[in-house]
């Protein structure tokens, strides 16, 4: 029976008071999180929306005729936006030599810089074809803005333009 009494005494000794779990103060960590959030918000620069200025033609046909300025044929570079990311270009209207290029760096950008170096009074006429995409128009407007050409315009593709580019369109 002595063993039973010893066992009960051991049980009484082993019953310790439950210890309290340690508390972690979260306030410094929350403070640090807000300090980091504030720092990164103030340290980063927010992206400014970039837009391109686009002058729209006048609605009045008489005012439009007054605004039109005649240009020399040798100063005109016509870019026709074709399908399959191709650009058909020619200079002048009388017996033009029709060429093709792409939107690549060695294509359109090189064409614009070389032609502008040859003809400082260059006027670029951009004429989208029905088969071209809106992305092609945006790309060409970006290239014109980056090349810092002072004069360019969007124009409709006329029947005369269609006759000039017809043989080239057939080979695309």
C-alpha atoms as a PDB file:
ATOM      1  CA  UNK A   1       0.000   0.000   0.000  1.00  0.00           C
ATOM      2  CA  UNK A   2       2.947   2.169   0.432  1.00  0.00           C
ATOM      3  CA  UNK A   3       3.379   2.093  -3.281  1.00  0.00           C
ATOM      4  CA  UNK A   4      -0.083   3.516  -3.878  1.00  0.00           C
ATOM      5  CA  UNK A   5       0.585   6.342  -1.414  1.00  0.00           C
ATOM      6  CA  UNK A   6       3.939   7.129  -3.093  1.00  0.00           C
ATOM      7  CA  UNK A   7       2.240   7.172  -6.457  1.00  0.00           C
ATOM      8  CA  UNK A   8      -0.409   9.607  -5.237  1.00  0.00           C
ATOM      9  CA  UNK A   9       2.253  11.856  -3.723  1.00  0.00           C
ATOM     10  CA  UNK A  10       4.169  11.848  -7.015  1.00  0.00           C
ATOM     11  CA  UNK A  11       1.005  12.848  -8.828  1.00  0.00           C
ATOM     12  CA  UNK A  12       0.497  15.759  -6.455  1.00  0.00           C
ATOM     13  CA  UNK A  13       4.090  16.938  -6.940  1.00  0.00           C
ATOM     14  CA  UNK A  14       3.885  16.704 -10.763  1.00  0.00           C
ATOM     15  CA  UNK A  15       0.831  18.918 -10.916  1.00  0.00           C
ATOM     16  CA  UNK A  16       2.515  22.192 -11.457  1.00  0.00           C
ATOM     17  CA  UNK A  17       0.654  25.331 -12.047  1.00  0.00           C
ATOM     18  CA  UNK A  18       0.148  25.885 -15.734  1.00  0.00           C
ATOM     19  CA  UNK A  19       2.670  28.422 -16.942  1.00  0.00           C
ATOM     20  CA  UNK A  20       1.438  31.428 -18.898  1.00  0.00           C
ATOM     21  CA  UNK A  21       2.236  31.528 -22.592  1.00  0.00           C
ATOM     22  CA  UNK A  22       4.575  34.374 -23.516  1.00  0.00           C
ATOM     23  CA  UNK A  23       2.845  37.353 -25.137  1.00  0.00           C
ATOM     24  CA  UNK A  24       4.318  38.888 -28.254  1.00  0.00           C
ATOM     25  CA  UNK A  25       3.766  42.605 -28.611  1.00  0.00           C
ATOM     26  CA  UNK A  26       2.681  43.212 -32.210  1.00  0.00           C
ATOM     27  CA  UNK A  27       2.702  47.016 -32.042  1.00  0.00           C
ATOM     28  CA  UNK A  28       6.335  47.487 -33.151  1.00  0.00           C
ATOM     29  CA  UNK A  29       5.816  45.160 -36.118  1.00  0.00           C
ATOM     30  CA  UNK A  30       2.689  47.044 -37.211  1.00  0.00           C
ATOM     31  CA  UNK A  31       4.577  50.338 -36.836  1.00  0.00           C
ATOM     32  CA  UNK A  32       7.392  49.001 -38.977  1.00  0.00           C
ATOM     33  CA  UNK A  33       4.952  47.801 -41.662  1.00  0.00           C
ATOM     34  CA  UNK A  34       3.340  51.232 -41.892  1.00  0.00           C
ATOM     35  CA  UNK A  35       6.702  52.977 -41.941  1.00  0.00           C
ATOM     36  CA  UNK A  36       7.855  50.776 -44.840  1.00  0.00           C
ATOM     37  CA  UNK A  37       4.576  51.296 -46.680  1.00  0.00           C
ATOM     38  CA  UNK A  38       4.857  55.064 -46.264  1.00  0.00           C
ATOM     39  CA  UNK A  39       8.498  55.063 -47.356  1.00  0.00           C
ATOM     40  CA  UNK A  40       7.850  53.110 -50.543  1.00  0.00           C
ATOM     41  CA  UNK A  41       4.793  55.184 -51.407  1.00  0.00           C
ATOM     42  CA  UNK A  42       6.795  58.398 -51.116  1.00  0.00           C
ATOM     43  CA  UNK A  43       9.989  57.053 -52.689  1.00  0.00           C
ATOM     44  CA  UNK A  44       8.429  55.726 -55.890  1.00  0.00           C
ATOM     45  CA  UNK A  45       7.503  57.945 -58.778  1.00  0.00           C
ATOM     46  CA  UNK A  46       4.062  57.461 -60.118  1.00  0.00           C
ATOM     47  CA  UNK A  47       3.754  56.916 -63.859  1.00  0.00           C
ATOM     48  CA  UNK A  48       2.480  60.016 -65.542  1.00  0.00           C
ATOM     49  CA  UNK A  49      -0.022  59.300 -68.297  1.00  0.00           C
ATOM     50  CA  UNK A  50       1.503  60.070 -71.641  1.00  0.00           C
ATOM     51  CA  UNK A  51      -0.631  61.333 -74.441  1.00  0.00           C
ATOM     52  CA  UNK A  52       0.088  62.452 -77.942  1.00  0.00           C
ATOM     53  CA  UNK A  53      -1.207  65.742 -79.227  1.00  0.00           C
ATOM     54  CA  UNK A  54      -3.345  65.237 -82.267  1.00  0.00           C
ATOM     55  CA  UNK A  55      -4.740  68.196 -84.165  1.00  0.00           C
ATOM     56  CA  UNK A  56      -8.054  67.455 -85.782  1.00  0.00           C
ATOM     57  CA  UNK A  57      -9.112  69.115 -89.028  1.00  0.00           C
ATOM     58  CA  UNK A  58     -11.773  71.789 -89.083  1.00  0.00           C
ATOM     59  CA  UNK A  59     -15.384  70.768 -89.615  1.00  0.00           C
ATOM     60  CA  UNK A  60     -16.096  73.659 -91.983  1.00  0.00           C
ATOM     61  CA  UNK A  61     -14.963  72.876 -95.585  1.00  0.00           C
ATOM     62  CA  UNK A  62     -14.213  76.548 -96.288  1.00  0.00           C
ATOM     63  CA  UNK A  63     -12.056  76.853 -93.181  1.00  0.00           C
ATOM     64  CA  UNK A  64     -10.345  73.585 -94.114  1.00  0.00           C
ATOM     65  CA  UNK A  65      -9.390  74.963 -97.537  1.00  0.00           C
ATOM     66  CA  UNK A  66      -7.917  78.047 -95.872  1.00  0.00           C
ATOM     67  CA  UNK A  67      -5.858  75.885 -93.491  1.00  0.00           C
ATOM     68  CA  UNK A  68      -4.456  73.650 -96.249  1.00  0.00           C
ATOM     69  CA  UNK A  69      -0.990  74.636 -97.268  1.00  0.00           C
ATOM     70  CA  UNK A  70       0.328  73.537-100.631  1.00  0.00           C
ATOM     71  CA  UNK A  71       3.575  71.587-100.479  1.00  0.00           C
ATOM     72  CA  UNK A  72       6.088  70.734-103.129  1.00  0.00           C
ATOM     73  CA  UNK A  73       5.818  67.274-104.555  1.00  0.00           C
ATOM     74  CA  UNK A  74       9.471  66.590-103.749  1.00  0.00           C
ATOM     75  CA  UNK A  75       8.825  67.409-100.067  1.00  0.00           C
ATOM     76  CA  UNK A  76       6.013  64.875 -99.669  1.00  0.00           C
ATOM     77  CA  UNK A  77       6.603  61.373 -98.326  1.00  0.00           C
ATOM     78  CA  UNK A  78       3.496  59.181 -98.439  1.00  0.00           C
ATOM     79  CA  UNK A  79       3.269  56.195 -96.095  1.00  0.00           C
ATOM     80  CA  UNK A  80       0.445  53.756 -96.828  1.00  0.00           C
ATOM     81  CA  UNK A  81      -0.223  51.351 -93.969  1.00  0.00           C
ATOM     82  CA  UNK A  82      -0.901  47.981 -95.546  1.00  0.00           C
ATOM     83  CA  UNK A  83      -1.819  44.626 -94.050  1.00  0.00           C
ATOM     84  CA  UNK A  84       0.675  42.115 -92.614  1.00  0.00           C
ATOM     85  CA  UNK A  85       2.580  44.920 -90.827  1.00  0.00           C
ATOM     86  CA  UNK A  86       3.901  46.344 -94.082  1.00  0.00           C
ATOM     87  CA  UNK A  87       4.331  49.984 -95.066  1.00  0.00           C
ATOM     88  CA  UNK A  88       4.232  51.040 -98.697  1.00  0.00           C
ATOM     89  CA  UNK A  89       5.927  54.360 -99.265  1.00  0.00           C
ATOM     90  CA  UNK A  90       6.681  56.705-102.129  1.00  0.00           C
ATOM     91  CA  UNK A  91       7.794  60.280-102.657  1.00  0.00           C
ATOM     92  CA  UNK A  92       5.858  62.671-104.845  1.00  0.00           C
ATOM     93  CA  UNK A  93       2.977  61.788-107.153  1.00  0.00           C
ATOM     94  CA  UNK A  94       4.359  62.101-110.661  1.00  0.00           C
ATOM     95  CA  UNK A  95       5.893  58.711-111.543  1.00  0.00           C
ATOM     96  CA  UNK A  96       6.715  57.733-107.964  1.00  0.00           C
ATOM     97  CA  UNK A  97       8.952  54.800-107.163  1.00  0.00           C
ATOM     98  CA  UNK A  98       6.944  52.616-104.806  1.00  0.00           C
ATOM     99  CA  UNK A  99       8.860  50.805-102.051  1.00  0.00           C
ATOM    100  CA  UNK A 100       8.037  48.638 -99.087  1.00  0.00           C
ATOM    101  CA  UNK A 101       9.351  48.646 -95.518  1.00  0.00           C
ATOM    102  CA  UNK A 102       8.402  47.332 -92.084  1.00  0.00           C
ATOM    103  CA  UNK A 103       7.972  48.797 -88.617  1.00  0.00           C
ATOM    104  CA  UNK A 104      11.366  47.456 -87.557  1.00  0.00           C
ATOM    105  CA  UNK A 105      14.115  49.787 -86.372  1.00  0.00           C
ATOM    106  CA  UNK A 106      16.076  49.389 -89.592  1.00  0.00           C
ATOM    107  CA  UNK A 107      12.892  49.898 -91.608  1.00  0.00           C
ATOM    108  CA  UNK A 108      10.640  52.830 -90.825  1.00  0.00           C
ATOM    109  CA  UNK A 109      12.919  54.702 -88.424  1.00  0.00           C
ATOM    110  CA  UNK A 110      15.837  54.558 -90.848  1.00  0.00           C
ATOM    111  CA  UNK A 111      13.597  55.661 -93.731  1.00  0.00           C
ATOM    112  CA  UNK A 112      12.315  58.664 -91.781  1.00  0.00           C
ATOM    113  CA  UNK A 113      15.747  59.781 -90.587  1.00  0.00           C
ATOM    114  CA  UNK A 114      17.370  59.434 -94.027  1.00  0.00           C
ATOM    115  CA  UNK A 115      14.549  61.212 -95.836  1.00  0.00           C
ATOM    116  CA  UNK A 116      14.413  64.009 -93.261  1.00  0.00           C
ATOM    117  CA  UNK A 117      18.190  64.473 -93.573  1.00  0.00           C
ATOM    118  CA  UNK A 118      17.817  64.810 -97.356  1.00  0.00           C
ATOM    119  CA  UNK A 119      14.728  67.046 -97.250  1.00  0.00           C
ATOM    120  CA  UNK A 120      14.487  69.264 -94.135  1.00  0.00           C
ATOM    121  CA  UNK A 121      11.054  70.577 -95.237  1.00  0.00           C
ATOM    122  CA  UNK A 122       9.668  67.029 -95.344  1.00  0.00           C
ATOM    123  CA  UNK A 123       5.932  66.480 -94.895  1.00  0.00           C
ATOM    124  CA  UNK A 124       4.854  62.917 -94.122  1.00  0.00           C
ATOM    125  CA  UNK A 125       1.370  61.852 -95.221  1.00  0.00           C
ATOM    126  CA  UNK A 126       0.095  58.779 -93.384  1.00  0.00           C
ATOM    127  CA  UNK A 127      -2.672  56.981 -95.259  1.00  0.00           C
ATOM    128  CA  UNK A 128      -4.066  53.836 -93.633  1.00  0.00           C
ATOM    129  CA  UNK A 129      -5.359  51.098 -95.918  1.00  0.00           C
ATOM    130  CA  UNK A 130      -8.557  49.239 -95.001  1.00  0.00           C
ATOM    131  CA  UNK A 131      -6.520  46.118 -94.226  1.00  0.00           C
ATOM    132  CA  UNK A 132      -4.198  47.865 -91.727  1.00  0.00           C
ATOM    133  CA  UNK A 133      -4.750  47.648 -87.990  1.00  0.00           C
ATOM    134  CA  UNK A 134      -5.197  50.330 -85.366  1.00  0.00           C
ATOM    135  CA  UNK A 135      -1.980  49.142 -83.687  1.00  0.00           C
ATOM    136  CA  UNK A 136      -0.084  49.922 -86.916  1.00  0.00           C
ATOM    137  CA  UNK A 137      -1.445  53.466 -86.886  1.00  0.00           C
ATOM    138  CA  UNK A 138      -0.415  53.937 -83.260  1.00  0.00           C
ATOM    139  CA  UNK A 139       3.048  52.520 -84.030  1.00  0.00           C
ATOM    140  CA  UNK A 140       3.597  54.885 -86.921  1.00  0.00           C
ATOM    141  CA  UNK A 141       2.404  57.893 -84.912  1.00  0.00           C
ATOM    142  CA  UNK A 142       4.841  56.905 -82.146  1.00  0.00           C
ATOM    143  CA  UNK A 143       7.685  56.657 -84.660  1.00  0.00           C
ATOM    144  CA  UNK A 144       6.832  60.058 -86.095  1.00  0.00           C
ATOM    145  CA  UNK A 145       6.766  61.589 -82.619  1.00  0.00           C
ATOM    146  CA  UNK A 146      10.091  59.961 -81.667  1.00  0.00           C
ATOM    147  CA  UNK A 147      11.768  61.064 -84.878  1.00  0.00           C
ATOM    148  CA  UNK A 148      10.673  64.643 -84.078  1.00  0.00           C
ATOM    149  CA  UNK A 149       9.440  65.371 -87.568  1.00  0.00           C
ATOM    150  CA  UNK A 150       7.786  68.774 -87.459  1.00  0.00           C
ATOM    151  CA  UNK A 151       5.099  68.133 -90.093  1.00  0.00           C
ATOM    152  CA  UNK A 152       2.988  65.059 -90.652  1.00  0.00           C
ATOM    153  CA  UNK A 153      -0.673  64.452 -91.322  1.00  0.00           C
ATOM    154  CA  UNK A 154      -3.248  61.675 -91.461  1.00  0.00           C
ATOM    155  CA  UNK A 155      -5.101  61.511 -94.741  1.00  0.00           C
ATOM    156  CA  UNK A 156      -7.589  59.282 -96.493  1.00  0.00           C
ATOM    157  CA  UNK A 157      -6.388  56.881 -99.150  1.00  0.00           C
ATOM    158  CA  UNK A 158      -7.519  58.314-102.503  1.00  0.00           C
ATOM    159  CA  UNK A 159      -8.164  56.472-105.732  1.00  0.00           C
ATOM    160  CA  UNK A 160      -4.970  57.951-107.140  1.00  0.00           C
ATOM    161  CA  UNK A 161      -3.036  56.440-104.198  1.00  0.00           C
ATOM    162  CA  UNK A 162      -4.731  53.092-104.776  1.00  0.00           C
ATOM    163  CA  UNK A 163      -3.654  53.147-108.429  1.00  0.00           C
ATOM    164  CA  UNK A 164      -0.064  53.943-107.442  1.00  0.00           C
ATOM    165  CA  UNK A 165       0.226  51.154-104.837  1.00  0.00           C
ATOM    166  CA  UNK A 166      -1.863  48.516-106.627  1.00  0.00           C
ATOM    167  CA  UNK A 167       1.076  46.554-108.121  1.00  0.00           C
ATOM    168  CA  UNK A 168       2.858  46.518-104.762  1.00  0.00           C
ATOM    169  CA  UNK A 169      -0.244  45.401-102.856  1.00  0.00           C
ATOM    170  CA  UNK A 170      -0.630  42.406-105.136  1.00  0.00           C
ATOM    171  CA  UNK A 171       2.830  41.130-104.190  1.00  0.00           C
ATOM    172  CA  UNK A 172       2.269  41.267-100.409  1.00  0.00           C
END
